[in-house]
C-alpha atoms as a PDB file:
ATOM      1  CA  MET A   1       3.663 -15.593  -1.743  1.00  0.00           C
ATOM      2  CA  GLY A   2       3.129 -19.278  -1.174  1.00  0.00           C
ATOM      3  CA  GLY A   3       6.826 -20.166  -1.308  1.00  0.00           C
ATOM      4  CA  LYS A   4       7.239 -19.145  -4.935  1.00  0.00           C
ATOM      5  CA  LYS A   5      10.316 -17.093  -5.733  1.00  0.00           C
ATOM      6  CA  THR A   6      10.013 -13.676  -7.253  1.00  0.00           C
ATOM      7  CA  LYS A   7      11.756 -13.645 -10.611  1.00  0.00           C
ATOM      8  CA  ILE A   8      13.402 -10.438 -11.688  1.00  0.00           C
ATOM      9  CA  THR A   9      15.383 -10.535 -14.895  1.00  0.00           C
ATOM     10  CA  ASN A  10      17.537  -7.723 -16.158  1.00  0.00           C
ATOM     11  CA  HIS A  11      19.395  -6.268 -19.106  1.00  0.00           C
ATOM     12  CA  VAL A  12      22.174  -4.650 -17.083  1.00  0.00           C
ATOM     13  CA  LYS A  13      25.115  -6.440 -18.701  1.00  0.00           C
ATOM     14  CA  ARG A  14      23.967  -5.809 -22.264  1.00  0.00           C
ATOM     15  CA  THR A  15      23.274  -2.146 -21.541  1.00  0.00           C
ATOM     16  CA  ARG A  16      26.538  -1.694 -19.631  1.00  0.00           C
ATOM     17  CA  LEU A  17      28.508  -3.122 -22.544  1.00  0.00           C
ATOM     18  CA  LEU A  18      26.676  -0.882 -25.027  1.00  0.00           C
ATOM     19  CA  GLU A  19      27.645   2.100 -22.858  1.00  0.00           C
ATOM     20  CA  GLY A  20      31.282   0.954 -22.840  1.00  0.00           C
ATOM     21  CA  LEU A  21      31.489   0.636 -19.063  1.00  0.00           C
ATOM     22  CA  SER A  22      33.402  -2.012 -17.141  1.00  0.00           C
ATOM     23  CA  GLN A  23      31.867  -3.749 -14.147  1.00  0.00           C
ATOM     24  CA  VAL A  24      34.314  -1.847 -11.945  1.00  0.00           C
ATOM     25  CA  GLU A  25      33.312   1.524 -13.397  1.00  0.00           C
ATOM     26  CA  LEU A  26      29.591   0.810 -13.063  1.00  0.00           C
ATOM     27  CA  ALA A  27      30.122  -0.370  -9.492  1.00  0.00           C
ATOM     28  CA  LYS A  28      32.001   2.829  -8.595  1.00  0.00           C
ATOM     29  CA  ARG A  29      29.348   5.047 -10.163  1.00  0.00           C
ATOM     30  CA  VAL A  30      26.475   3.358  -8.329  1.00  0.00           C
ATOM     31  CA  GLY A  31      28.257   2.908  -4.999  1.00  0.00           C
ATOM     32  CA  ALA A  32      28.419  -0.892  -5.082  1.00  0.00           C
ATOM     33  CA  THR A  33      31.117  -3.534  -5.333  1.00  0.00           C
ATOM     34  CA  ARG A  34      32.143  -5.291  -8.526  1.00  0.00           C
ATOM     35  CA  GLN A  35      30.938  -8.532  -6.913  1.00  0.00           C
ATOM     36  CA  THR A  36      27.470  -7.034  -6.508  1.00  0.00           C
ATOM     37  CA  ILE A  37      27.382  -6.018 -10.181  1.00  0.00           C
ATOM     38  CA  ILE A  38      28.515  -9.520 -11.188  1.00  0.00           C
ATOM     39  CA  ALA A  39      25.712 -11.075  -9.116  1.00  0.00           C
ATOM     40  CA  VAL A  40      23.086  -8.669 -10.502  1.00  0.00           C
ATOM     41  CA  GLU A  41      24.156  -9.328 -14.101  1.00  0.00           C
ATOM     42  CA  ALA A  42      24.073 -13.094 -13.507  1.00  0.00           C
ATOM     43  CA  GLU A  43      20.581 -12.718 -11.971  1.00  0.00           C
ATOM     44  CA  ARG A  44      21.788 -14.354  -8.765  1.00  0.00           C
ATOM     45  CA  TYR A  45      20.905 -11.209  -6.825  1.00  0.00           C
ATOM     46  CA  ALA A  46      17.985  -8.805  -7.144  1.00  0.00           C
ATOM     47  CA  PRO A  47      19.273  -5.361  -6.180  1.00  0.00           C
ATOM     48  CA  SER A  48      17.527  -3.104  -3.699  1.00  0.00           C
ATOM     49  CA  LEU A  49      15.147  -0.621  -5.244  1.00  0.00           C
ATOM     50  CA  GLU A  50      17.623   2.172  -4.571  1.00  0.00           C
ATOM     51  CA  LEU A  51      20.479   0.330  -6.276  1.00  0.00           C
ATOM     52  CA  ALA A  52      18.239  -0.558  -9.228  1.00  0.00           C
ATOM     53  CA  PHE A  53      17.383   3.136  -9.661  1.00  0.00           C
ATOM     54  CA  ARG A  54      21.065   4.095  -9.421  1.00  0.00           C
ATOM     55  CA  ILE A  55      22.023   1.534 -12.075  1.00  0.00           C
ATOM     56  CA  ALA A  56      19.239   2.743 -14.364  1.00  0.00           C
ATOM     57  CA  HIS A  57      20.296   6.376 -13.881  1.00  0.00           C
ATOM     58  CA  VAL A  58      23.975   5.695 -14.629  1.00  0.00           C
ATOM     59  CA  LEU A  59      23.087   3.615 -17.692  1.00  0.00           C
ATOM     60  CA  GLY A  60      20.622   6.271 -18.890  1.00  0.00           C
ATOM     61  CA  GLU A  61      17.683   3.883 -19.116  1.00  0.00           C
ATOM     62  CA  PRO A  62      14.248   3.767 -17.481  1.00  0.00           C
ATOM     63  CA  ILE A  63      14.267   1.259 -14.635  1.00  0.00           C
ATOM     64  CA  GLU A  64      11.497  -0.786 -16.278  1.00  0.00           C
ATOM     65  CA  SER A  65      13.615  -1.323 -19.389  1.00  0.00           C
ATOM     66  CA  LEU A  66      16.511  -2.714 -17.315  1.00  0.00           C
ATOM     67  CA  PHE A  67      14.627  -4.771 -14.727  1.00  0.00           C
ATOM     68  CA  VAL A  68      11.643  -6.957 -15.577  1.00  0.00           C
ATOM     69  CA  PHE A  69       9.394  -8.619 -13.008  1.00  0.00           C
ATOM     70  CA  ASP A  70       7.963 -11.961 -14.129  1.00  0.00           C
ATOM     71  CA  SER A  71       4.487 -12.060 -12.616  1.00  0.00           C
ATOM     72  CA  THR A  72       3.602 -15.440 -14.137  1.00  0.00           C
ATOM     73  CA  ASP A  73       1.752 -17.537 -11.547  1.00  0.00           C
ATOM     74  CA  TRP A  74       1.951 -14.672  -9.049  1.00  0.00           C
ATOM     75  CA  THR A  75      -1.348 -14.367  -7.257  1.00  0.00           C
END
């Protein structure tokens, strides 16, 4: 990838709040820690594919509406 970082943005926090879930509750439902959810929401951590699918399932959203890959300058 030529040293360029992959950029994955997400809408987890907004969607979680709309669903009325706390970070702790989302973490429990997806089998992660609250710290992991905090890092995902702050876009400091890109979750594994499995965790991303679990988050999408719990929040009732398609994965592609929660996680967006920025392919700008990716060749």
